[in-house]
Amino acid sequence: MSLYTIGDLHLHFASELKSPDQLHSKLWKNHEDKFKAYCDEMITEEDTLVLVGDHSWGRGIDAAKPDLDWISMLPGRKILLRGNHDTYWDPKRTEKLNKLFEGRLNFLQNNYYSY
């Protein structure tokens, strides 16, 4: 049972891209596919993946939902912390996010998860 941590995925499956670098930089080209391949290779269902923020460029939950659905399909247990670009996540509504993604994603804000 391993623990992996990463941040700054900046997904934008259904939202407007906010960073010009993601349009033109080789580093960002197909970064979703590369990250998923690494996860599929390294992470098992018994492992935990902590995503430390900036998951989505989506401003609201409707725009961010495809990004969060994509994250939920990654292997292992997922715990998400809110980043400064995660404007879809109102800290006062963390419980609502946890109910919406119950069994798939765990949002960490004024609560805890054991490892």
PDB file of N, CA and C in Angstrom:
ATOM      1  N   MET A   1       0.848  -1.172   0.000  1.00  0.00           N
ATOM      2  CA  MET A   1       0.000   0.000   0.000  1.00  0.00           C
ATOM      3  C   MET A   1       0.896   1.238   0.000  1.00  0.00           C
ATOM      4  N   SER A   2       1.046   1.828  -1.172  1.00  0.00           N
ATOM      5  CA  SER A   2       1.919   2.993  -1.335  1.00  0.00           C
ATOM      6  C   SER A   2       1.119   4.286  -1.343  1.00  0.00           C
ATOM      7  N   LEU A   3       1.814   5.385  -1.083  1.00  0.00           N
ATOM      8  CA  LEU A   3       1.226   6.719  -1.081  1.00  0.00           C
ATOM      9  C   LEU A   3       1.931   7.543  -2.153  1.00  0.00           C
ATOM     10  N   TYR A   4       1.166   8.117  -3.062  1.00  0.00           N
ATOM     11  CA  TYR A   4       1.693   8.971  -4.129  1.00  0.00           C
ATOM     12  C   TYR A   4       1.054  10.344  -3.998  1.00  0.00           C
ATOM     13  N   THR A   5       1.799  11.385  -4.338  1.00  0.00           N
ATOM     14  CA  THR A   5       1.297  12.749  -4.246  1.00  0.00           C
ATOM     15  C   THR A   5       1.731  13.537  -5.473  1.00  0.00           C
ATOM     16  N   ILE A   6       0.809  14.332  -5.992  1.00  0.00           N
ATOM     17  CA  ILE A   6       1.110  15.207  -7.128  1.00  0.00           C
ATOM     18  C   ILE A   6       0.126  16.370  -7.100  1.00  0.00           C
ATOM     19  N   GLY A   7       0.473  17.432  -7.762  1.00  0.00           N
ATOM     20  CA  GLY A   7      -0.426  18.575  -7.876  1.00  0.00           C
ATOM     21  C   GLY A   7      -0.317  19.211  -9.245  1.00  0.00           C
ATOM     22  N   ASP A   8      -1.163  20.182  -9.450  1.00  0.00           N
ATOM     23  CA  ASP A   8      -1.119  21.029 -10.645  1.00  0.00           C
ATOM     24  C   ASP A   8      -1.404  20.278 -11.943  1.00  0.00           C
ATOM     25  N   LEU A   9      -2.432  19.441 -11.937  1.00  0.00           N
ATOM     26  CA  LEU A   9      -2.814  18.789 -13.187  1.00  0.00           C
ATOM     27  C   LEU A   9      -3.432  19.784 -14.174  1.00  0.00           C
ATOM     28  N   HIS A  10      -4.129  20.784 -13.671  1.00  0.00           N
ATOM     29  CA  HIS A  10      -4.745  21.829 -14.505  1.00  0.00           C
ATOM     30  C   HIS A  10      -5.491  21.239 -15.696  1.00  0.00           C
ATOM     31  N   LEU A  11      -6.408  20.336 -15.410  1.00  0.00           N
ATOM     32  CA  LEU A  11      -7.208  19.713 -16.466  1.00  0.00           C
ATOM     33  C   LEU A  11      -8.227  20.706 -17.011  1.00  0.00           C
ATOM     34  N   HIS A  12      -8.635  20.477 -18.248  1.00  0.00           N
ATOM     35  CA  HIS A  12      -9.586  21.407 -18.872  1.00  0.00           C
ATOM     36  C   HIS A  12     -10.411  20.704 -19.952  1.00  0.00           C
ATOM     37  N   PHE A  13     -10.981  19.558 -19.607  1.00  0.00           N
ATOM     38  CA  PHE A  13     -11.770  18.805 -20.575  1.00  0.00           C
ATOM     39  C   PHE A  13     -13.022  19.564 -21.016  1.00  0.00           C
ATOM     40  N   ALA A  14     -13.631  20.361 -20.137  1.00  0.00           N
ATOM     41  CA  ALA A  14     -14.857  21.082 -20.489  1.00  0.00           C
ATOM     42  C   ALA A  14     -14.801  22.542 -20.069  1.00  0.00           C
ATOM     43  N   SER A  15     -13.607  23.066 -19.882  1.00  0.00           N
ATOM     44  CA  SER A  15     -13.488  24.450 -19.438  1.00  0.00           C
ATOM     45  C   SER A  15     -12.468  25.176 -20.295  1.00  0.00           C
ATOM     46  N   GLU A  16     -12.501  26.471 -20.166  1.00  0.00           N
ATOM     47  CA  GLU A  16     -11.567  27.322 -20.897  1.00  0.00           C
ATOM     48  C   GLU A  16     -10.171  27.200 -20.288  1.00  0.00           C
ATOM     49  N   LEU A  17      -9.189  27.049 -21.148  1.00  0.00           N
ATOM     50  CA  LEU A  17      -7.801  26.967 -20.702  1.00  0.00           C
ATOM     51  C   LEU A  17      -7.335  28.343 -20.246  1.00  0.00           C
ATOM     52  N   LYS A  18      -6.724  28.423 -19.081  1.00  0.00           N
ATOM     53  CA  LYS A  18      -6.329  29.712 -18.518  1.00  0.00           C
ATOM     54  C   LYS A  18      -4.859  30.042 -18.706  1.00  0.00           C
ATOM     55  N   SER A  19      -4.045  29.065 -19.058  1.00  0.00           N
ATOM     56  CA  SER A  19      -2.605  29.300 -19.163  1.00  0.00           C
ATOM     57  C   SER A  19      -2.134  29.116 -20.605  1.00  0.00           C
ATOM     58  N   PRO A  20      -1.593  30.159 -21.215  1.00  0.00           N
ATOM     59  CA  PRO A  20      -1.090  30.034 -22.585  1.00  0.00           C
ATOM     60  C   PRO A  20      -0.006  28.973 -22.722  1.00  0.00           C
ATOM     61  N   ASP A  21       0.762  28.733 -21.662  1.00  0.00           N
ATOM     62  CA  ASP A  21       1.813  27.710 -21.710  1.00  0.00           C
ATOM     63  C   ASP A  21       1.247  26.335 -22.045  1.00  0.00           C
ATOM     64  N   GLN A  22       0.045  26.052 -21.559  1.00  0.00           N
ATOM     65  CA  GLN A  22      -0.544  24.750 -21.827  1.00  0.00           C
ATOM     66  C   GLN A  22      -0.909  24.580 -23.297  1.00  0.00           C
ATOM     67  N   LEU A  23      -1.033  25.668 -24.028  1.00  0.00           N
ATOM     68  CA  LEU A  23      -1.319  25.581 -25.461  1.00  0.00           C
ATOM     69  C   LEU A  23      -0.068  25.337 -26.283  1.00  0.00           C
ATOM     70  N   HIS A  24       1.073  25.839 -25.829  1.00  0.00           N
ATOM     71  CA  HIS A  24       2.262  25.873 -26.682  1.00  0.00           C
ATOM     72  C   HIS A  24       3.474  25.111 -26.161  1.00  0.00           C
ATOM     73  N   SER A  25       3.531  24.810 -24.892  1.00  0.00           N
ATOM     74  CA  SER A  25       4.698  24.169 -24.305  1.00  0.00           C
ATOM     75  C   SER A  25       4.694  22.658 -24.554  1.00  0.00           C
ATOM     76  N   LYS A  26       5.850  22.115 -24.929  1.00  0.00           N
ATOM     77  CA  LYS A  26       5.974  20.659 -25.112  1.00  0.00           C
ATOM     78  C   LYS A  26       5.696  19.919 -23.807  1.00  0.00           C
ATOM     79  N   LEU A  27       6.028  20.523 -22.694  1.00  0.00           N
ATOM     80  CA  LEU A  27       5.810  19.907 -21.391  1.00  0.00           C
ATOM     81  C   LEU A  27       4.335  19.542 -21.180  1.00  0.00           C
ATOM     82  N   TRP A  28       3.425  20.395 -21.657  1.00  0.00           N
ATOM     83  CA  TRP A  28       2.005  20.203 -21.431  1.00  0.00           C
ATOM     84  C   TRP A  28       1.324  19.383 -22.522  1.00  0.00           C
ATOM     85  N   LYS A  29       1.997  19.128 -23.630  1.00  0.00           N
ATOM     86  CA  LYS A  29       1.374  18.407 -24.740  1.00  0.00           C
ATOM     87  C   LYS A  29       1.011  16.986 -24.299  1.00  0.00           C
ATOM     88  N   ASN A  30      -0.276  16.674 -24.374  1.00  0.00           N
ATOM     89  CA  ASN A  30      -0.804  15.359 -23.975  1.00  0.00           C
ATOM     90  C   ASN A  30      -0.453  14.985 -22.536  1.00  0.00           C
ATOM     91  N   HIS A  31      -0.349  15.966 -21.658  1.00  0.00           N
ATOM     92  CA  HIS A  31       0.054  15.667 -20.282  1.00  0.00           C
ATOM     93  C   HIS A  31      -0.949  14.750 -19.582  1.00  0.00           C
ATOM     94  N   GLU A  32      -2.230  14.832 -19.951  1.00  0.00           N
ATOM     95  CA  GLU A  32      -3.227  13.950 -19.333  1.00  0.00           C
ATOM     96  C   GLU A  32      -2.929  12.491 -19.669  1.00  0.00           C
ATOM     97  N   ASP A  33      -2.638  12.231 -20.951  1.00  0.00           N
ATOM     98  CA  ASP A  33      -2.349  10.857 -21.383  1.00  0.00           C
ATOM     99  C   ASP A  33      -1.086  10.314 -20.719  1.00  0.00           C
ATOM    100  N   LYS A  34      -0.069  11.156 -20.631  1.00  0.00           N
ATOM    101  CA  LYS A  34       1.189  10.728 -20.004  1.00  0.00           C
ATOM    102  C   LYS A  34       0.968  10.416 -18.523  1.00  0.00           C
ATOM    103  N   PHE A  35       0.245  11.298 -17.836  1.00  0.00           N
ATOM    104  CA  PHE A  35       0.005  11.092 -16.411  1.00  0.00           C
ATOM    105  C   PHE A  35      -0.806   9.826 -16.170  1.00  0.00           C
ATOM    106  N   LYS A  36      -1.851   9.607 -16.970  1.00  0.00           N
ATOM    107  CA  LYS A  36      -2.662   8.399 -16.814  1.00  0.00           C
ATOM    108  C   LYS A  36      -1.828   7.148 -17.049  1.00  0.00           C
ATOM    109  N   ALA A  37      -0.946   7.183 -18.052  1.00  0.00           N
ATOM    110  CA  ALA A  37      -0.088   6.017 -18.325  1.00  0.00           C
ATOM    111  C   ALA A  37       0.827   5.731 -17.139  1.00  0.00           C
ATOM    112  N   TYR A  38       1.403   6.780 -16.540  1.00  0.00           N
ATOM    113  CA  TYR A  38       2.257   6.587 -15.363  1.00  0.00           C
ATOM    114  C   TYR A  38       1.454   6.003 -14.211  1.00  0.00           C
ATOM    115  N   CYS A  39       0.255   6.529 -13.985  1.00  0.00           N
ATOM    116  CA  CYS A  39      -0.597   6.025 -12.898  1.00  0.00           C
ATOM    117  C   CYS A  39      -0.951   4.564 -13.124  1.00  0.00           C
ATOM    118  N   ASP A  40      -1.368   4.238 -14.341  1.00  0.00           N
ATOM    119  CA  ASP A  40      -1.750   2.859 -14.645  1.00  0.00           C
ATOM    120  C   ASP A  40      -0.585   1.898 -14.445  1.00  0.00           C
ATOM    121  N   GLU A  41       0.615   2.373 -14.705  1.00  0.00           N
ATOM    122  CA  GLU A  41       1.813   1.540 -14.571  1.00  0.00           C
ATOM    123  C   GLU A  41       2.235   1.357 -13.111  1.00  0.00           C
ATOM    124  N   MET A  42       2.088   2.409 -12.303  1.00  0.00           N
ATOM    125  CA  MET A  42       2.677   2.407 -10.960  1.00  0.00           C
ATOM    126  C   MET A  42       1.689   2.203  -9.817  1.00  0.00           C
ATOM    127  N   ILE A  43       0.462   2.666  -9.960  1.00  0.00           N
ATOM    128  CA  ILE A  43      -0.477   2.709  -8.839  1.00  0.00           C
ATOM    129  C   ILE A  43      -1.433   1.523  -8.909  1.00  0.00           C
ATOM    130  N   THR A  44      -1.596   0.850  -7.783  1.00  0.00           N
ATOM    131  CA  THR A  44      -2.550  -0.256  -7.697  1.00  0.00           C
ATOM    132  C   THR A  44      -3.815   0.236  -6.985  1.00  0.00           C
ATOM    133  N   GLU A  45      -4.830  -0.589  -6.972  1.00  0.00           N
ATOM    134  CA  GLU A  45      -6.083  -0.222  -6.300  1.00  0.00           C
ATOM    135  C   GLU A  45      -5.911  -0.115  -4.787  1.00  0.00           C
ATOM    136  N   GLU A  46      -4.863  -0.710  -4.229  1.00  0.00           N
ATOM    137  CA  GLU A  46      -4.605  -0.631  -2.788  1.00  0.00           C
ATOM    138  C   GLU A  46      -3.835   0.626  -2.407  1.00  0.00           C
ATOM    139  N   ASP A  47      -3.321   1.353  -3.376  1.00  0.00           N
ATOM    140  CA  ASP A  47      -2.525   2.561  -3.134  1.00  0.00           C
ATOM    141  C   ASP A  47      -3.427   3.787  -2.981  1.00  0.00           C
ATOM    142  N   THR A  48      -2.821   4.860  -2.464  1.00  0.00           N
ATOM    143  CA  THR A  48      -3.522   6.136  -2.312  1.00  0.00           C
ATOM    144  C   THR A  48      -2.793   7.196  -3.124  1.00  0.00           C
ATOM    145  N   LEU A  49      -3.568   7.970  -3.877  1.00  0.00           N
ATOM    146  CA  LEU A  49      -3.057   9.084  -4.667  1.00  0.00           C
ATOM    147  C   LEU A  49      -3.627  10.369  -4.078  1.00  0.00           C
ATOM    148  N   VAL A  50      -2.743  11.246  -3.594  1.00  0.00           N
ATOM    149  CA  VAL A  50      -3.161  12.532  -3.044  1.00  0.00           C
ATOM    150  C   VAL A  50      -2.879  13.600  -4.102  1.00  0.00           C
ATOM    151  N   LEU A  51      -3.920  14.331  -4.475  1.00  0.00           N
ATOM    152  CA  LEU A  51      -3.792  15.409  -5.455  1.00  0.00           C
ATOM    153  C   LEU A  51      -3.871  16.722  -4.685  1.00  0.00           C
ATOM    154  N   VAL A  52      -2.753  17.448  -4.656  1.00  0.00           N
ATOM    155  CA  VAL A  52      -2.610  18.570  -3.732  1.00  0.00           C
ATOM    156  C   VAL A  52      -3.065  19.915  -4.288  1.00  0.00           C
ATOM    157  N   GLY A  53      -3.881  19.907  -5.289  1.00  0.00           N
ATOM    158  CA  GLY A  53      -4.490  21.154  -5.731  1.00  0.00           C
ATOM    159  C   GLY A  53      -4.288  21.461  -7.192  1.00  0.00           C
ATOM    160  N   ASP A  54      -5.086  22.415  -7.652  1.00  0.00           N
ATOM    161  CA  ASP A  54      -5.108  22.868  -9.041  1.00  0.00           C
ATOM    162  C   ASP A  54      -5.425  21.710  -9.981  1.00  0.00           C
ATOM    163  N   HIS A  55      -6.547  21.062  -9.687  1.00  0.00           N
ATOM    164  CA  HIS A  55      -6.986  19.907 -10.459  1.00  0.00           C
ATOM    165  C   HIS A  55      -7.592  20.325 -11.793  1.00  0.00           C
ATOM    166  N   SER A  56      -8.361  21.422 -11.783  1.00  0.00           N
ATOM    167  CA  SER A  56      -9.180  21.780 -12.934  1.00  0.00           C
ATOM    168  C   SER A  56      -9.197  23.285 -13.140  1.00  0.00           C
ATOM    169  N   TRP A  57      -9.286  23.691 -14.399  1.00  0.00           N
ATOM    170  CA  TRP A  57      -9.496  25.100 -14.722  1.00  0.00           C
ATOM    171  C   TRP A  57     -10.982  25.450 -14.657  1.00  0.00           C
ATOM    172  N   GLY A  58     -11.848  24.468 -14.464  1.00  0.00           N
ATOM    173  CA  GLY A  58     -13.283  24.728 -14.429  1.00  0.00           C
ATOM    174  C   GLY A  58     -13.658  25.664 -13.295  1.00  0.00           C
ATOM    175  N   ARG A  59     -14.412  26.692 -13.643  1.00  0.00           N
ATOM    176  CA  ARG A  59     -14.800  27.677 -12.625  1.00  0.00           C
ATOM    177  C   ARG A  59     -15.937  27.189 -11.745  1.00  0.00           C
ATOM    178  N   GLY A  60     -16.832  26.407 -12.298  1.00  0.00           N
ATOM    179  CA  GLY A  60     -17.943  25.849 -11.546  1.00  0.00           C
ATOM    180  C   GLY A  60     -17.906  24.331 -11.631  1.00  0.00           C
ATOM    181  N   ILE A  61     -18.767  23.700 -10.870  1.00  0.00           N
ATOM    182  CA  ILE A  61     -18.753  22.236 -10.829  1.00  0.00           C
ATOM    183  C   ILE A  61     -19.108  21.642 -12.188  1.00  0.00           C
ATOM    184  N   ASP A  62     -19.978  22.283 -12.955  1.00  0.00           N
ATOM    185  CA  ASP A  62     -20.331  21.744 -14.273  1.00  0.00           C
ATOM    186  C   ASP A  62     -19.123  21.693 -15.199  1.00  0.00           C
ATOM    187  N   ALA A  63     -18.288  22.717 -15.166  1.00  0.00           N
ATOM    188  CA  ALA A  63     -17.090  22.744 -16.004  1.00  0.00           C
ATOM    189  C   ALA A  63     -15.994  21.828 -15.463  1.00  0.00           C
ATOM    190  N   ALA A  64     -15.952  21.652 -14.153  1.00  0.00           N
ATOM    191  CA  ALA A  64     -14.897  20.832 -13.543  1.00  0.00           C
ATOM    192  C   ALA A  64     -15.267  19.350 -13.484  1.00  0.00           C
ATOM    193  N   LYS A  65     -16.534  19.022 -13.588  1.00  0.00           N
ATOM    194  CA  LYS A  65     -16.972  17.628 -13.420  1.00  0.00           C
ATOM    195  C   LYS A  65     -16.279  16.659 -14.371  1.00  0.00           C
ATOM    196  N   PRO A  66     -16.125  16.969 -15.668  1.00  0.00           N
ATOM    197  CA  PRO A  66     -15.397  16.022 -16.531  1.00  0.00           C
ATOM    198  C   PRO A  66     -13.959  15.784 -16.066  1.00  0.00           C
ATOM    199  N   ASP A  67     -13.311  16.806 -15.523  1.00  0.00           N
ATOM    200  CA  ASP A  67     -11.951  16.655 -15.004  1.00  0.00           C
ATOM    201  C   ASP A  67     -11.949  15.750 -13.771  1.00  0.00           C
ATOM    202  N   LEU A  68     -12.910  15.978 -12.882  1.00  0.00           N
ATOM    203  CA  LEU A  68     -13.003  15.166 -11.666  1.00  0.00           C
ATOM    204  C   LEU A  68     -13.406  13.732 -11.989  1.00  0.00           C
ATOM    205  N   ASP A  69     -14.284  13.557 -12.970  1.00  0.00           N
ATOM    206  CA  ASP A  69     -14.630  12.202 -13.411  1.00  0.00           C
ATOM    207  C   ASP A  69     -13.394  11.497 -13.951  1.00  0.00           C
ATOM    208  N   TRP A  70     -12.563  12.213 -14.696  1.00  0.00           N
ATOM    209  CA  TRP A  70     -11.324  11.643 -15.245  1.00  0.00           C
ATOM    210  C   TRP A  70     -10.400  11.226 -14.104  1.00  0.00           C
ATOM    211  N   ILE A  71     -10.242  12.095 -13.105  1.00  0.00           N
ATOM    212  CA  ILE A  71      -9.403  11.770 -11.947  1.00  0.00           C
ATOM    213  C   ILE A  71      -9.952  10.533 -11.241  1.00  0.00           C
ATOM    214  N   SER A  72     -11.260  10.458 -11.129  1.00  0.00           N
ATOM    215  CA  SER A  72     -11.859   9.324 -10.409  1.00  0.00           C
ATOM    216  C   SER A  72     -11.595   7.992 -11.097  1.00  0.00           C
ATOM    217  N   MET A  73     -11.295   8.012 -12.381  1.00  0.00           N
ATOM    218  CA  MET A  73     -11.023   6.775 -13.128  1.00  0.00           C
ATOM    219  C   MET A  73      -9.575   6.300 -12.957  1.00  0.00           C
ATOM    220  N   LEU A  74      -8.728   7.118 -12.362  1.00  0.00           N
ATOM    221  CA  LEU A  74      -7.356   6.703 -12.117  1.00  0.00           C
ATOM    222  C   LEU A  74      -7.338   5.601 -11.065  1.00  0.00           C
ATOM    223  N   PRO A  75      -6.320   4.758 -11.072  1.00  0.00           N
ATOM    224  CA  PRO A  75      -6.277   3.680 -10.079  1.00  0.00           C
ATOM    225  C   PRO A  75      -6.037   4.197  -8.664  1.00  0.00           C
ATOM    226  N   GLY A  76      -6.436   3.404  -7.694  1.00  0.00           N
ATOM    227  CA  GLY A  76      -6.181   3.724  -6.289  1.00  0.00           C
ATOM    228  C   GLY A  76      -7.242   4.629  -5.687  1.00  0.00           C
ATOM    229  N   ARG A  77      -7.066   4.874  -4.428  1.00  0.00           N
ATOM    230  CA  ARG A  77      -7.924   5.788  -3.671  1.00  0.00           C
ATOM    231  C   ARG A  77      -7.425   7.201  -3.913  1.00  0.00           C
ATOM    232  N   LYS A  78      -8.313   8.145  -4.163  1.00  0.00           N
ATOM    233  CA  LYS A  78      -7.922   9.519  -4.451  1.00  0.00           C
ATOM    234  C   LYS A  78      -8.393  10.461  -3.351  1.00  0.00           C
ATOM    235  N   ILE A  79      -7.452  11.256  -2.823  1.00  0.00           N
ATOM    236  CA  ILE A  79      -7.751  12.300  -1.846  1.00  0.00           C
ATOM    237  C   ILE A  79      -7.340  13.615  -2.477  1.00  0.00           C
ATOM    238  N   LEU A  80      -8.262  14.582  -2.521  1.00  0.00           N
ATOM    239  CA  LEU A  80      -8.001  15.862  -3.159  1.00  0.00           C
ATOM    240  C   LEU A  80      -7.971  16.983  -2.134  1.00  0.00           C
ATOM    241  N   LEU A  81      -6.983  17.859  -2.271  1.00  0.00           N
ATOM    242  CA  LEU A  81      -6.898  19.083  -1.489  1.00  0.00           C
ATOM    243  C   LEU A  81      -7.156  20.238  -2.440  1.00  0.00           C
ATOM    244  N   ARG A  82      -7.702  21.306  -1.931  1.00  0.00           N
ATOM    245  CA  ARG A  82      -8.069  22.456  -2.752  1.00  0.00           C
ATOM    246  C   ARG A  82      -6.844  23.318  -3.042  1.00  0.00           C
ATOM    247  N   GLY A  83      -6.686  23.680  -4.318  1.00  0.00           N
ATOM    248  CA  GLY A  83      -5.629  24.590  -4.736  1.00  0.00           C
ATOM    249  C   GLY A  83      -6.188  25.966  -5.053  1.00  0.00           C
ATOM    250  N   ASN A  84      -5.312  26.941  -5.248  1.00  0.00           N
ATOM    251  CA  ASN A  84      -5.770  28.306  -5.504  1.00  0.00           C
ATOM    252  C   ASN A  84      -6.506  28.457  -6.833  1.00  0.00           C
ATOM    253  N   HIS A  85      -6.310  27.550  -7.781  1.00  0.00           N
ATOM    254  CA  HIS A  85      -7.034  27.613  -9.049  1.00  0.00           C
ATOM    255  C   HIS A  85      -8.299  26.759  -9.053  1.00  0.00           C
ATOM    256  N   ASP A  86      -8.574  26.059  -7.989  1.00  0.00           N
ATOM    257  CA  ASP A  86      -9.755  25.195  -7.933  1.00  0.00           C
ATOM    258  C   ASP A  86     -10.989  25.990  -7.514  1.00  0.00           C
ATOM    259  N   THR A  87     -11.403  26.895  -8.399  1.00  0.00           N
ATOM    260  CA  THR A  87     -12.526  27.784  -8.082  1.00  0.00           C
ATOM    261  C   THR A  87     -13.868  27.066  -8.110  1.00  0.00           C
ATOM    262  N   TYR A  88     -13.912  25.865  -8.670  1.00  0.00           N
ATOM    263  CA  TYR A  88     -15.141  25.072  -8.641  1.00  0.00           C
ATOM    264  C   TYR A  88     -15.473  24.610  -7.221  1.00  0.00           C
ATOM    265  N   TRP A  89     -14.480  24.622  -6.333  1.00  0.00           N
ATOM    266  CA  TRP A  89     -14.603  24.040  -4.994  1.00  0.00           C
ATOM    267  C   TRP A  89     -14.783  25.143  -3.968  1.00  0.00           C
ATOM    268  N   ASP A  90     -16.016  25.327  -3.540  1.00  0.00           N
ATOM    269  CA  ASP A  90     -16.309  26.234  -2.444  1.00  0.00           C
ATOM    270  C   ASP A  90     -16.020  25.477  -1.147  1.00  0.00           C
ATOM    271  N   PRO A  91     -15.056  25.947  -0.338  1.00  0.00           N
ATOM    272  CA  PRO A  91     -14.686  25.209   0.873  1.00  0.00           C
ATOM    273  C   PRO A  91     -15.876  24.921   1.794  1.00  0.00           C
ATOM    274  N   LYS A  92     -16.906  25.774   1.744  1.00  0.00           N
ATOM    275  CA  LYS A  92     -18.078  25.563   2.590  1.00  0.00           C
ATOM    276  C   LYS A  92     -18.968  24.430   2.064  1.00  0.00           C
ATOM    277  N   ARG A  93     -18.700  23.966   0.840  1.00  0.00           N
ATOM    278  CA  ARG A  93     -19.525  22.921   0.226  1.00  0.00           C
ATOM    279  C   ARG A  93     -18.741  21.632  -0.024  1.00  0.00           C
ATOM    280  N   THR A  94     -17.698  21.428   0.758  1.00  0.00           N
ATOM    281  CA  THR A  94     -16.885  20.224   0.608  1.00  0.00           C
ATOM    282  C   THR A  94     -17.724  18.969   0.828  1.00  0.00           C
ATOM    283  N   GLU A  95     -18.612  19.014   1.796  1.00  0.00           N
ATOM    284  CA  GLU A  95     -19.460  17.856   2.064  1.00  0.00           C
ATOM    285  C   GLU A  95     -20.307  17.506   0.842  1.00  0.00           C
ATOM    286  N   LYS A  96     -20.770  18.518   0.126  1.00  0.00           N
ATOM    287  CA  LYS A  96     -21.567  18.289  -1.086  1.00  0.00           C
ATOM    288  C   LYS A  96     -20.718  17.593  -2.161  1.00  0.00           C
ATOM    289  N   LEU A  97     -19.462  18.017  -2.320  1.00  0.00           N
ATOM    290  CA  LEU A  97     -18.568  17.352  -3.277  1.00  0.00           C
ATOM    291  C   LEU A  97     -18.324  15.901  -2.868  1.00  0.00           C
ATOM    292  N   ASN A  98     -18.122  15.678  -1.580  1.00  0.00           N
ATOM    293  CA  ASN A  98     -17.900  14.311  -1.108  1.00  0.00           C
ATOM    294  C   ASN A  98     -19.118  13.419  -1.368  1.00  0.00           C
ATOM    295  N   LYS A  99     -20.306  13.978  -1.276  1.00  0.00           N
ATOM    296  CA  LYS A  99     -21.508  13.191  -1.570  1.00  0.00           C
ATOM    297  C   LYS A  99     -21.642  12.960  -3.074  1.00  0.00           C
ATOM    298  N   LEU A 100     -21.351  13.978  -3.864  1.00  0.00           N
ATOM    299  CA  LEU A 100     -21.459  13.871  -5.326  1.00  0.00           C
ATOM    300  C   LEU A 100     -20.518  12.803  -5.887  1.00  0.00           C
ATOM    301  N   PHE A 101     -19.317  12.704  -5.308  1.00  0.00           N
ATOM    302  CA  PHE A 101     -18.303  11.762  -5.796  1.00  0.00           C
ATOM    303  C   PHE A 101     -18.054  10.616  -4.817  1.00  0.00           C
ATOM    304  N   GLU A 102     -19.035  10.338  -3.985  1.00  0.00           N
ATOM    305  CA  GLU A 102     -18.891   9.308  -2.949  1.00  0.00           C
ATOM    306  C   GLU A 102     -18.428   7.976  -3.541  1.00  0.00           C
ATOM    307  N   GLY A 103     -17.400   7.410  -2.892  1.00  0.00           N
ATOM    308  CA  GLY A 103     -16.858   6.142  -3.342  1.00  0.00           C
ATOM    309  C   GLY A 103     -15.839   6.275  -4.457  1.00  0.00           C
ATOM    310  N   ARG A 104     -15.680   7.498  -4.984  1.00  0.00           N
ATOM    311  CA  ARG A 104     -14.728   7.699  -6.091  1.00  0.00           C
ATOM    312  C   ARG A 104     -13.640   8.705  -5.747  1.00  0.00           C
ATOM    313  N   LEU A 105     -14.018   9.814  -5.080  1.00  0.00           N
ATOM    314  CA  LEU A 105     -13.057  10.856  -4.704  1.00  0.00           C
ATOM    315  C   LEU A 105     -13.326  11.281  -3.272  1.00  0.00           C
ATOM    316  N   ASN A 106     -12.253  11.681  -2.574  1.00  0.00           N
ATOM    317  CA  ASN A 106     -12.354  12.174  -1.198  1.00  0.00           C
ATOM    318  C   ASN A 106     -11.784  13.587  -1.170  1.00  0.00           C
ATOM    319  N   PHE A 107     -12.634  14.567  -0.855  1.00  0.00           N
ATOM    320  CA  PHE A 107     -12.214  15.966  -0.800  1.00  0.00           C
ATOM    321  C   PHE A 107     -11.858  16.313   0.636  1.00  0.00           C
ATOM    322  N   LEU A 108     -10.656  16.827   0.843  1.00  0.00           N
ATOM    323  CA  LEU A 108     -10.119  17.087   2.175  1.00  0.00           C
ATOM    324  C   LEU A 108     -10.205  18.577   2.488  1.00  0.00           C
ATOM    325  N   GLN A 109     -11.140  18.946   3.364  1.00  0.00           N
ATOM    326  CA  GLN A 109     -11.306  20.326   3.818  1.00  0.00           C
ATOM    327  C   GLN A 109     -12.103  20.270   5.105  1.00  0.00           C
ATOM    328  N   ASN A 110     -11.478  20.596   6.222  1.00  0.00           N
ATOM    329  CA  ASN A 110     -12.141  20.543   7.531  1.00  0.00           C
ATOM    330  C   ASN A 110     -12.650  19.138   7.860  1.00  0.00           C
ATOM    331  N   ASN A 111     -11.949  18.130   7.376  1.00  0.00           N
ATOM    332  CA  ASN A 111     -12.254  16.735   7.676  1.00  0.00           C
ATOM    333  C   ASN A 111     -10.932  15.969   7.615  1.00  0.00           C
ATOM    334  N   TYR A 112     -10.962  14.662   7.661  1.00  0.00           N
ATOM    335  CA  TYR A 112      -9.717  13.899   7.589  1.00  0.00           C
ATOM    336  C   TYR A 112      -9.964  12.546   6.964  1.00  0.00           C
ATOM    337  N   TYR A 113      -8.902  11.970   6.459  1.00  0.00           N
ATOM    338  CA  TYR A 113      -8.913  10.602   5.924  1.00  0.00           C
ATOM    339  C   TYR A 113      -7.673   9.899   6.455  1.00  0.00           C
ATOM    340  N   SER A 114      -7.837   8.691   6.911  1.00  0.00           N
ATOM    341  CA  SER A 114      -6.704   7.909   7.422  1.00  0.00           C
ATOM    342  C   SER A 114      -5.989   7.225   6.288  1.00  0.00           C
ATOM    343  N   TYR A 115      -4.682   7.058   6.474  1.00  0.00           N
ATOM    344  CA  TYR A 115      -3.886   6.297   5.512  1.00  0.00           C
ATOM    345  C   TYR A 115      -3.283   5.130   6.240  1.00  0.00           C
TER     346      TYR A 115
END
